[in-house]
Amino acid sequence: MSIPTPNDLLKTLIRFDTTNPPGNEVDCVLYIRDLLASVGIETTLIAKDPQRPNLIARVKGDGSAPPLLLQGHVDVVTTENQEWTYPPFDAVEADGFIWGRGTLDMKGAVAMYISTLLRLKTENIATPGDIVLCVLSDEEQSSNDGAKFLVEEHAEQFAGIKHCLGEAGATSTWMAGKKFYPIQVAEKLVCRLRMTVNGGAGHGAFPMPGGTLALLGKLLTTLDTKQPPVHITPVAKQMFSAIADEVGFPTSMVLRGLLNPALTDRLLGLLGDQRRTLNPMLRSTVSPTIIRASDKINVIPETASVDLDGRLLPGVDPADFVAQLQQIVGPDVLIEIVQTEPPGKMTPDMSQFALLADVMRELDPTGTSIPYMLPAVSDARYFERIGIQNYGFTPMDLPKDFNFAALAHAADERIPVDALAFGIEGVLKVCERYVG
């Protein structure tokens, strides 16, 4: 098998339809296995479901440092009900971009990591520690067949590893006229909830003012207008302070003011569209997503419920979060935890941040690296449970008007044709210098 260019590799990965559900990542993962084997890199496949395997590969270092993990997933989200300029699994190259589902999240990064491993092997590039690649299934749904399964049942595969590179970081963004490379060092955790109100049942022919759905409406209005309290984590403090150091007045003053809980909400109101992006980094959040009430049109329901997507800041206990919400909605609303996870570390391991920032400065002296907390979740949280600190590091120098977050999971997801070459150089430099 000939070694493809990084862009050709990405195109091949995109053409495997790994929409999750159901995933069916097997053909994509087997292609990666065969490609690595063609240059003498041994791989291990570990699967809970044979159609959804995970791949682990290793290129040996000189043994003077611990191994470094590169982890990424090859499943993608649906394209249903989206209108695309080019078919989402054709991997068309046009207008300076490669178009297709997964170019950003995250087959582009996986192509970057695979290409790095291929270069380490074929060019005999020396590294202090082993470089371990883990290609994962099922990140976009539950990770039950991917990272969660590996961590819970095959943790021995990651023995000695303390740090990893993964998704959601080191992609350029602009704020207040300055260029930044946010590197993820933490992420929020899932806490899914259900709130239920009870207003008494009745016949639909006899309206019931103030009944169940009126109570539900009041509850939704309350959730729309009142939020959990501001809580400034160490990562948020470092991030906002680092941005403030680079931008001019009055933006710098506003950013520093956001770190004062007494001023946070007032200042967020001055930030327009940026409020939606910055607010989740300063508090745990909850978003109503699913409503359940009567299943018959002529029956006024006795109870109605709303399911909520809660996202907890690192270190926040789910029970404490429920107590905060109970104070907001009042004692007559029943709150149940539907799904949650162990609280994450409030203070991440920042020991490798300087290395990553130095590499980014060499790649692009015009940008500034800053620590970043992902408001969503990724497979990083599972690796954290076995003592591995994740750094979101998939370097991309993107056009100024390119909105990575808006395009990931959306129609016309695409990546600049020169993005992977930039990123591979960054990942290679980290592999060569990582000493743990």
Protein backbone atom coordinates (compact mmCIF):
# COMPACT_ATOMS: atom_id res chain seq x y z
CA MET A 1 0.00 0.00 0.00
CA SER A 2 1.44 3.38 -0.99
CA ILE A 3 1.55 6.12 1.62
CA PRO A 4 -1.06 8.78 0.80
CA THR A 5 -0.53 12.48 1.28
CA PRO A 6 -2.28 13.80 4.41
CA ASN A 7 -5.03 15.36 2.28
CA ASP A 8 -5.57 12.16 0.31
CA LEU A 9 -5.67 10.23 3.58
CA LEU A 10 -8.34 12.58 4.90
CA LYS A 11 -10.40 12.18 1.74
CA THR A 12 -10.28 8.41 2.11
CA LEU A 13 -11.37 8.60 5.75
CA ILE A 14 -14.28 10.89 4.86
CA ARG A 15 -15.54 8.45 2.21
CA PHE A 16 -16.18 5.86 4.90
CA ASP A 17 -19.69 6.73 6.11
CA THR A 18 -19.27 6.34 9.86
CA THR A 19 -22.41 8.25 10.86
CA ASN A 20 -23.19 7.49 14.50
CA PRO A 21 -25.61 5.94 15.11
CA PRO A 22 -24.95 3.25 14.02
CA GLY A 23 -21.25 4.04 13.48
CA ASN A 24 -20.03 0.98 11.56
CA GLU A 25 -16.47 2.24 11.92
CA VAL A 26 -14.95 -1.16 11.14
CA ASP A 27 -14.00 -0.58 7.47
CA CYS A 28 -12.44 2.78 8.28
CA VAL A 29 -10.45 1.34 11.18
CA LEU A 30 -9.29 -1.65 9.11
CA TYR A 31 -8.05 0.73 6.41
CA ILE A 32 -6.01 2.58 9.03
CA ARG A 33 -4.65 -0.73 10.35
CA ASP A 34 -3.54 -1.82 6.88
CA LEU A 35 -1.97 1.56 6.13
CA LEU A 36 0.09 1.50 9.33
CA ALA A 37 1.04 -2.14 8.78
CA SER A 38 2.34 -1.28 5.30
CA VAL A 39 5.22 0.67 6.91
CA GLY A 40 5.82 -1.83 9.71
CA ILE A 41 3.76 -0.28 12.52
CA GLU A 42 2.10 -2.96 14.63
CA THR A 43 -1.48 -2.38 15.71
CA THR A 44 -3.96 -3.90 18.13
CA LEU A 45 -7.72 -3.94 17.55
CA ILE A 46 -9.95 -4.03 20.63
CA ALA A 47 -13.72 -4.17 20.18
CA LYS A 48 -16.81 -4.49 22.32
CA ASP A 49 -18.83 -4.68 19.10
CA PRO A 50 -17.03 -6.23 16.07
CA GLN A 51 -18.47 -3.50 13.84
CA ARG A 52 -17.03 -0.81 16.11
CA PRO A 53 -13.37 -1.59 16.81
CA ASN A 54 -10.75 0.66 18.36
CA LEU A 55 -7.16 0.68 17.14
CA ILE A 56 -3.99 1.15 19.17
CA ALA A 57 -0.60 1.56 17.48
CA ARG A 58 2.83 2.41 18.84
CA VAL A 59 6.08 3.81 17.43
CA LYS A 60 8.97 3.22 19.81
CA GLY A 61 11.00 6.04 21.32
CA ASP A 62 14.42 5.80 22.93
CA GLY A 63 12.95 5.09 26.36
CA SER A 64 14.12 8.27 28.07
CA ALA A 65 10.58 9.60 28.53
CA PRO A 66 7.10 8.22 29.16
CA PRO A 67 4.81 7.44 26.21
CA LEU A 68 2.69 10.20 24.69
CA LEU A 69 -0.83 9.36 23.52
CA LEU A 70 -2.51 10.78 20.40
CA GLN A 71 -6.24 10.00 20.55
CA GLY A 72 -9.08 10.72 18.13
CA HIS A 73 -12.37 9.29 16.90
CA VAL A 74 -13.55 8.37 13.39
CA ASP A 75 -17.32 8.31 13.93
CA VAL A 76 -19.25 11.38 12.78
CA VAL A 77 -22.63 12.99 13.39
CA THR A 78 -25.58 12.77 11.03
CA THR A 79 -26.06 14.86 7.89
CA GLU A 80 -29.82 14.26 7.88
CA ASN A 81 -31.96 17.28 6.94
CA GLN A 82 -28.89 19.32 6.00
CA GLU A 83 -28.35 20.91 2.59
CA TRP A 84 -24.76 20.52 1.40
CA THR A 85 -22.98 22.20 -1.50
CA TYR A 86 -21.20 18.91 -2.20
CA PRO A 87 -22.23 15.41 -1.05
CA PRO A 88 -20.96 15.05 2.53
CA PHE A 89 -19.14 11.74 1.99
CA ASP A 90 -17.59 12.50 -1.42
CA ALA A 91 -14.62 14.45 -0.01
CA VAL A 92 -14.66 17.02 -2.82
CA GLU A 93 -11.71 19.41 -3.05
CA ALA A 94 -12.92 22.80 -4.26
CA ASP A 95 -12.40 26.51 -3.58
CA GLY A 96 -9.34 25.86 -1.43
CA PHE A 97 -11.13 23.44 0.91
CA ILE A 98 -11.79 19.74 1.36
CA TRP A 99 -15.53 19.39 1.94
CA GLY A 100 -17.16 16.61 3.91
CA ARG A 101 -18.57 15.33 7.16
CA GLY A 102 -15.80 14.87 9.69
CA THR A 103 -13.24 17.19 8.11
CA LEU A 104 -13.24 19.20 11.35
CA ASP A 105 -14.75 16.75 13.84
CA MET A 106 -12.57 14.86 13.75
CA LYS A 107 -11.23 12.90 10.80
CA GLY A 108 -9.02 15.84 9.86
CA ALA A 109 -7.24 15.56 13.21
CA VAL A 110 -7.07 11.77 12.95
CA ALA A 111 -5.44 12.15 9.53
CA MET A 112 -2.99 14.56 11.17
CA TYR A 113 -2.10 12.04 13.88
CA ILE A 114 -1.82 9.08 11.47
CA SER A 115 0.42 11.12 9.15
CA THR A 116 2.59 12.02 12.13
CA LEU A 117 3.01 8.34 13.01
CA LEU A 118 3.83 7.48 9.39
CA ARG A 119 6.53 10.14 9.27
CA LEU A 120 8.02 9.07 12.59
CA LYS A 121 8.35 5.53 11.26
CA THR A 122 9.39 6.10 7.64
CA GLU A 123 11.78 9.00 8.35
CA ASN A 124 13.26 7.39 11.49
CA ILE A 125 12.53 10.49 13.55
CA ALA A 126 13.75 9.98 17.12
CA THR A 127 11.45 10.64 20.05
CA PRO A 128 12.24 10.41 23.79
CA GLY A 129 9.16 8.30 24.52
CA ASP A 130 6.91 5.93 22.61
CA ILE A 131 4.20 7.64 20.56
CA VAL A 132 0.91 5.79 20.95
CA LEU A 133 -2.00 6.32 18.57
CA CYS A 134 -5.52 5.41 19.66
CA VAL A 135 -8.24 5.57 16.97
CA LEU A 136 -11.64 5.44 18.64
CA SER A 137 -15.22 4.56 17.77
CA ASP A 138 -18.44 5.94 19.27
CA GLU A 139 -17.37 9.35 20.61
CA GLU A 140 -20.35 11.13 19.07
CA GLN A 141 -22.94 8.98 20.83
CA SER A 142 -21.91 7.48 24.17
CA SER A 143 -18.29 6.24 23.98
CA ASN A 144 -19.65 2.92 25.30
CA ASP A 145 -17.92 1.12 22.42
CA GLY A 146 -14.92 3.44 22.43
CA ALA A 147 -12.99 5.35 25.08
CA LYS A 148 -15.25 4.40 27.98
CA PHE A 149 -14.94 0.70 27.09
CA LEU A 150 -11.15 0.89 26.72
CA VAL A 151 -10.60 2.79 29.96
CA GLU A 152 -12.87 0.55 32.00
CA GLU A 153 -11.81 -2.82 30.56
CA HIS A 154 -8.41 -2.36 28.90
CA ALA A 155 -6.66 0.33 30.91
CA GLU A 156 -3.42 -1.69 30.70
CA GLN A 157 -3.09 -0.48 27.12
CA PHE A 158 -2.31 2.99 28.50
CA ALA A 159 0.15 2.02 31.22
CA GLY A 160 2.71 4.71 31.95
CA ILE A 161 0.91 7.40 29.92
CA LYS A 162 0.33 10.69 31.75
CA HIS A 163 -0.52 13.06 28.88
CA CYS A 164 -2.33 12.91 25.56
CA LEU A 165 -3.17 15.12 22.61
CA GLY A 166 -6.76 15.11 21.40
CA GLU A 167 -9.48 17.18 19.80
CA ALA A 168 -10.72 20.71 20.42
CA GLY A 169 -7.67 22.88 20.56
CA ALA A 170 -4.92 24.91 18.87
CA THR A 171 -7.18 26.06 16.02
CA SER A 172 -6.84 29.77 15.39
CA THR A 173 -9.53 32.21 16.41
CA TRP A 174 -9.73 36.01 16.56
CA MET A 175 -10.88 38.18 19.45
CA ALA A 176 -10.74 41.96 19.58
CA GLY A 177 -8.47 42.03 16.55
CA LYS A 178 -5.94 39.59 18.05
CA LYS A 179 -5.16 36.03 17.00
CA PHE A 180 -5.30 33.24 19.56
CA TYR A 181 -4.75 29.49 19.68
CA PRO A 182 -6.95 28.08 22.49
CA ILE A 183 -5.53 24.80 23.81
CA GLN A 184 -8.07 22.71 25.68
CA VAL A 185 -6.94 21.68 29.16
CA ALA A 186 -10.37 21.00 30.71
CA GLU A 187 -13.95 20.32 29.74
CA LYS A 188 -17.38 20.37 31.32
CA LEU A 189 -19.21 17.19 32.25
CA VAL A 190 -22.68 15.91 31.41
CA CYS A 191 -25.48 16.08 33.98
CA ARG A 192 -28.82 15.27 32.34
CA LEU A 193 -31.88 16.13 34.37
CA ARG A 194 -35.66 15.88 34.38
CA MET A 195 -37.94 18.43 36.01
CA THR A 196 -41.58 17.53 36.65
CA VAL A 197 -44.58 19.66 37.67
CA ASN A 198 -47.99 18.45 38.87
CA GLY A 199 -51.12 20.53 38.33
CA GLY A 200 -53.94 17.99 38.31
CA ALA A 201 -55.57 16.17 35.39
CA GLY A 202 -58.82 16.94 33.65
CA HIS A 203 -60.96 16.78 30.49
CA GLY A 204 -59.76 18.95 27.63
CA ALA A 205 -63.27 20.37 27.24
CA PHE A 206 -62.93 22.15 30.59
CA PRO A 207 -59.90 24.46 30.62
CA MET A 208 -57.87 24.47 33.82
CA PRO A 209 -56.23 27.89 34.35
CA GLY A 210 -53.05 27.59 36.34
CA GLY A 211 -52.90 23.85 35.62
CA THR A 212 -50.05 21.56 34.71
CA LEU A 213 -48.98 23.18 31.44
CA ALA A 214 -49.28 26.66 32.91
CA LEU A 215 -46.90 25.51 35.64
CA LEU A 216 -44.61 24.07 32.98
CA GLY A 217 -44.67 27.37 31.11
CA LYS A 218 -43.76 29.21 34.29
CA LEU A 219 -40.92 26.75 34.88
CA LEU A 220 -39.53 27.26 31.37
CA THR A 221 -39.71 31.03 31.77
CA THR A 222 -37.84 30.79 35.04
CA LEU A 223 -35.11 28.68 33.46
CA ASP A 224 -34.88 31.17 30.59
CA THR A 225 -34.39 34.15 32.87
CA LYS A 226 -32.46 32.77 35.85
CA GLN A 227 -29.16 30.89 35.76
CA PRO A 228 -27.01 28.94 38.21
CA PRO A 229 -24.47 31.12 40.04
CA VAL A 230 -21.19 32.24 38.51
CA HIS A 231 -18.23 30.12 39.53
CA ILE A 232 -14.72 31.10 38.42
CA THR A 233 -12.55 28.03 37.82
CA PRO A 234 -8.74 28.19 37.61
CA VAL A 235 -8.90 27.53 33.86
CA ALA A 236 -11.39 30.34 33.25
CA LYS A 237 -9.23 32.73 35.28
CA GLN A 238 -6.12 31.80 33.29
CA MET A 239 -7.95 31.98 29.96
CA PHE A 240 -9.65 35.35 30.44
CA SER A 241 -6.53 36.88 31.98
CA ALA A 242 -4.37 35.66 29.07
CA ILE A 243 -6.74 37.20 26.51
CA ALA A 244 -6.95 40.44 28.48
CA ASP A 245 -3.15 40.70 28.45
CA GLU A 246 -3.18 40.76 24.64
CA VAL A 247 -6.15 42.97 23.77
CA GLY A 248 -6.62 46.68 24.23
CA PHE A 249 -8.84 48.78 26.50
CA PRO A 250 -11.82 48.62 27.07
CA THR A 251 -12.05 44.94 26.05
CA SER A 252 -9.29 44.00 28.49
CA MET A 253 -11.17 45.69 31.35
CA VAL A 254 -14.40 43.86 30.46
CA LEU A 255 -12.64 40.49 30.33
CA ARG A 256 -11.02 40.99 33.72
CA GLY A 257 -14.35 42.19 35.08
CA LEU A 258 -16.01 38.95 34.01
CA LEU A 259 -13.90 37.21 36.64
CA ASN A 260 -15.68 39.18 39.37
CA PRO A 261 -18.95 37.30 40.03
CA ALA A 262 -20.63 40.51 41.16
CA LEU A 263 -20.06 42.02 37.69
CA THR A 264 -20.15 38.95 35.43
CA ASP A 265 -23.76 39.07 34.23
CA ARG A 266 -23.79 42.82 33.75
CA LEU A 267 -20.64 42.68 31.62
CA LEU A 268 -21.78 39.65 29.63
CA GLY A 269 -24.71 41.78 28.53
CA LEU A 270 -22.25 44.13 26.83
CA LEU A 271 -20.66 41.42 24.70
CA GLY A 272 -23.43 40.75 22.17
CA ASP A 273 -23.04 37.44 20.34
CA GLN A 274 -19.97 36.55 22.38
CA ARG A 275 -22.13 36.19 25.47
CA ARG A 276 -23.38 32.77 24.34
CA THR A 277 -19.80 31.53 23.90
CA LEU A 278 -18.32 32.93 27.10
CA ASN A 279 -21.19 32.40 29.55
CA PRO A 280 -20.80 28.56 29.73
CA MET A 281 -17.17 28.98 30.82
CA LEU A 282 -18.25 30.93 33.88
CA ARG A 283 -21.03 28.76 35.30
CA SER A 284 -22.62 25.35 35.08
CA THR A 285 -25.52 25.50 32.64
CA VAL A 286 -28.80 23.80 31.87
CA SER A 287 -30.77 23.83 28.59
CA PRO A 288 -34.37 22.52 28.21
CA THR A 289 -34.52 20.14 25.24
CA ILE A 290 -37.42 17.65 25.51
CA ILE A 291 -40.97 18.20 26.84
CA ARG A 292 -43.38 15.43 27.85
CA ALA A 293 -47.03 15.91 28.73
CA SER A 294 -50.34 14.32 27.67
CA ASP A 295 -50.39 11.75 24.89
CA LYS A 296 -54.08 12.41 24.16
CA ILE A 297 -55.39 15.68 22.78
CA ASN A 298 -58.52 15.67 24.97
CA VAL A 299 -56.76 14.97 28.28
CA ILE A 300 -55.21 17.70 30.39
CA PRO A 301 -52.14 15.96 31.88
CA GLU A 302 -51.71 15.59 35.61
CA THR A 303 -47.94 15.91 35.24
CA ALA A 304 -45.60 17.41 32.66
CA SER A 305 -41.84 17.15 32.50
CA VAL A 306 -38.93 18.73 30.72
CA ASP A 307 -35.59 17.04 30.09
CA LEU A 308 -32.57 19.28 30.42
CA ASP A 309 -29.03 19.07 29.14
CA GLY A 310 -26.91 20.11 32.11
CA ARG A 311 -23.21 20.81 31.78
CA LEU A 312 -21.12 21.01 34.95
CA LEU A 313 -17.95 22.97 35.48
CA PRO A 314 -14.97 20.87 36.57
CA GLY A 315 -15.16 20.05 40.25
CA VAL A 316 -18.90 20.68 40.62
CA ASP A 317 -20.81 17.89 42.37
CA PRO A 318 -24.10 16.93 40.65
CA ALA A 319 -25.99 16.98 43.97
CA ASP A 320 -24.82 20.54 44.63
CA PHE A 321 -25.92 21.53 41.12
CA VAL A 322 -29.41 20.11 41.73
CA ALA A 323 -29.59 22.04 45.00
CA GLN A 324 -28.73 25.26 43.14
CA LEU A 325 -31.45 24.59 40.56
CA GLN A 326 -33.98 23.76 43.27
CA GLN A 327 -33.46 27.21 44.75
CA ILE A 328 -34.10 28.74 41.33
CA VAL A 329 -37.27 26.81 40.38
CA GLY A 330 -38.78 26.41 43.85
CA PRO A 331 -39.71 23.43 46.04
CA ASP A 332 -42.77 22.32 44.03
CA VAL A 333 -40.70 21.20 41.04
CA LEU A 334 -39.35 17.65 41.23
CA ILE A 335 -35.78 17.40 39.93
CA GLU A 336 -34.27 14.03 39.02
CA ILE A 337 -30.79 13.21 37.79
CA VAL A 338 -31.15 11.09 34.65
CA GLN A 339 -27.46 10.70 33.83
CA THR A 340 -24.31 12.10 35.29
CA GLU A 341 -20.58 11.50 35.61
CA PRO A 342 -17.96 11.79 38.34
CA PRO A 343 -16.85 15.40 38.92
CA GLY A 344 -13.79 16.34 36.89
CA LYS A 345 -10.61 17.86 38.30
CA MET A 346 -11.01 21.54 39.06
CA THR A 347 -7.31 22.21 38.47
CA PRO A 348 -5.82 20.48 35.40
CA ASP A 349 -2.22 19.39 34.94
CA MET A 350 -0.69 22.34 33.11
CA SER A 351 2.83 20.90 33.00
CA GLN A 352 2.88 20.50 29.19
CA PHE A 353 1.13 23.74 28.28
CA ALA A 354 4.40 25.66 27.93
CA LEU A 355 5.73 23.06 25.48
CA LEU A 356 2.60 23.29 23.34
CA ALA A 357 2.62 27.10 23.47
CA ASP A 358 6.28 27.18 22.42
CA VAL A 359 5.54 24.93 19.44
CA MET A 360 2.61 27.11 18.38
CA ARG A 361 4.77 30.22 18.66
CA GLU A 362 7.29 28.65 16.29
CA LEU A 363 4.57 27.68 13.83
CA ASP A 364 2.90 31.09 13.95
CA PRO A 365 4.60 33.95 15.87
CA THR A 366 1.55 36.17 15.27
CA GLY A 367 -0.73 34.09 17.50
CA THR A 368 -0.96 33.65 21.28
CA SER A 369 -1.72 30.31 22.93
CA ILE A 370 -4.23 30.38 25.77
CA PRO A 371 -5.67 27.66 28.03
CA TYR A 372 -9.24 26.74 27.19
CA MET A 373 -12.15 24.86 28.74
CA LEU A 374 -14.43 23.02 26.31
CA PRO A 375 -18.07 23.79 27.20
CA ALA A 376 -19.07 20.42 25.72
CA VAL A 377 -17.58 16.96 26.31
CA SER A 378 -15.15 14.69 24.48
CA ASP A 379 -13.35 11.40 25.10
CA ALA A 380 -10.82 13.34 27.17
CA ARG A 381 -12.92 12.87 30.31
CA TYR A 382 -12.52 9.09 30.16
CA PHE A 383 -8.74 9.26 29.87
CA GLU A 384 -8.72 11.67 32.81
CA ARG A 385 -10.23 8.91 34.95
CA ILE A 386 -7.05 6.85 34.58
CA GLY A 387 -4.76 9.79 35.25
CA ILE A 388 -4.12 11.01 31.71
CA GLN A 389 -4.28 14.77 31.18
CA ASN A 390 -5.64 15.68 27.74
CA TYR A 391 -4.54 18.72 25.77
CA GLY A 392 -6.71 19.72 22.84
CA PHE A 393 -4.03 20.02 20.18
CA THR A 394 -4.87 19.77 16.50
CA PRO A 395 -3.03 22.85 15.19
CA MET A 396 -4.71 24.71 12.34
CA ASP A 397 -4.04 28.24 11.08
CA LEU A 398 -7.49 29.04 9.73
CA PRO A 399 -8.73 32.00 7.66
CA LYS A 400 -9.82 34.93 9.82
CA ASP A 401 -13.47 34.58 8.82
CA PHE A 402 -13.52 30.79 9.30
CA ASN A 403 -15.72 29.70 12.22
CA PHE A 404 -14.60 26.22 13.29
CA ALA A 405 -17.28 25.81 15.97
CA ALA A 406 -20.09 26.87 13.65
CA LEU A 407 -19.11 24.43 10.89
CA ALA A 408 -18.43 21.32 12.98
CA HIS A 409 -21.62 19.18 12.92
CA ALA A 410 -23.16 21.58 10.39
CA ALA A 411 -23.81 21.52 6.66
CA ASP A 412 -20.81 22.26 4.43
CA GLU A 413 -18.26 21.23 7.05
CA ARG A 414 -14.88 21.72 5.40
CA ILE A 415 -11.19 22.27 6.08
CA PRO A 416 -8.59 24.41 4.24
CA VAL A 417 -6.36 22.27 2.02
CA ASP A 418 -3.20 23.53 3.75
CA ALA A 419 -4.46 22.98 7.31
CA LEU A 420 -3.13 19.45 7.82
CA ALA A 421 0.46 20.23 6.80
CA PHE A 422 0.57 23.01 9.40
CA GLY A 423 -0.82 20.72 12.09
CA ILE A 424 1.45 17.76 11.36
CA GLU A 425 4.53 19.95 11.83
CA GLY A 426 3.18 21.02 15.22
CA VAL A 427 2.36 17.50 16.40
CA LEU A 428 5.77 16.23 15.20
CA LYS A 429 7.57 18.92 17.18
CA VAL A 430 5.66 17.95 20.32
CA CYS A 431 6.46 14.26 19.83
CA GLU A 432 10.16 15.06 19.41
CA ARG A 433 10.33 17.25 22.55
CA TYR A 434 7.93 15.59 24.96
CA VAL A 435 9.78 14.39 28.08
CA GLY A 436 6.84 13.99 30.45
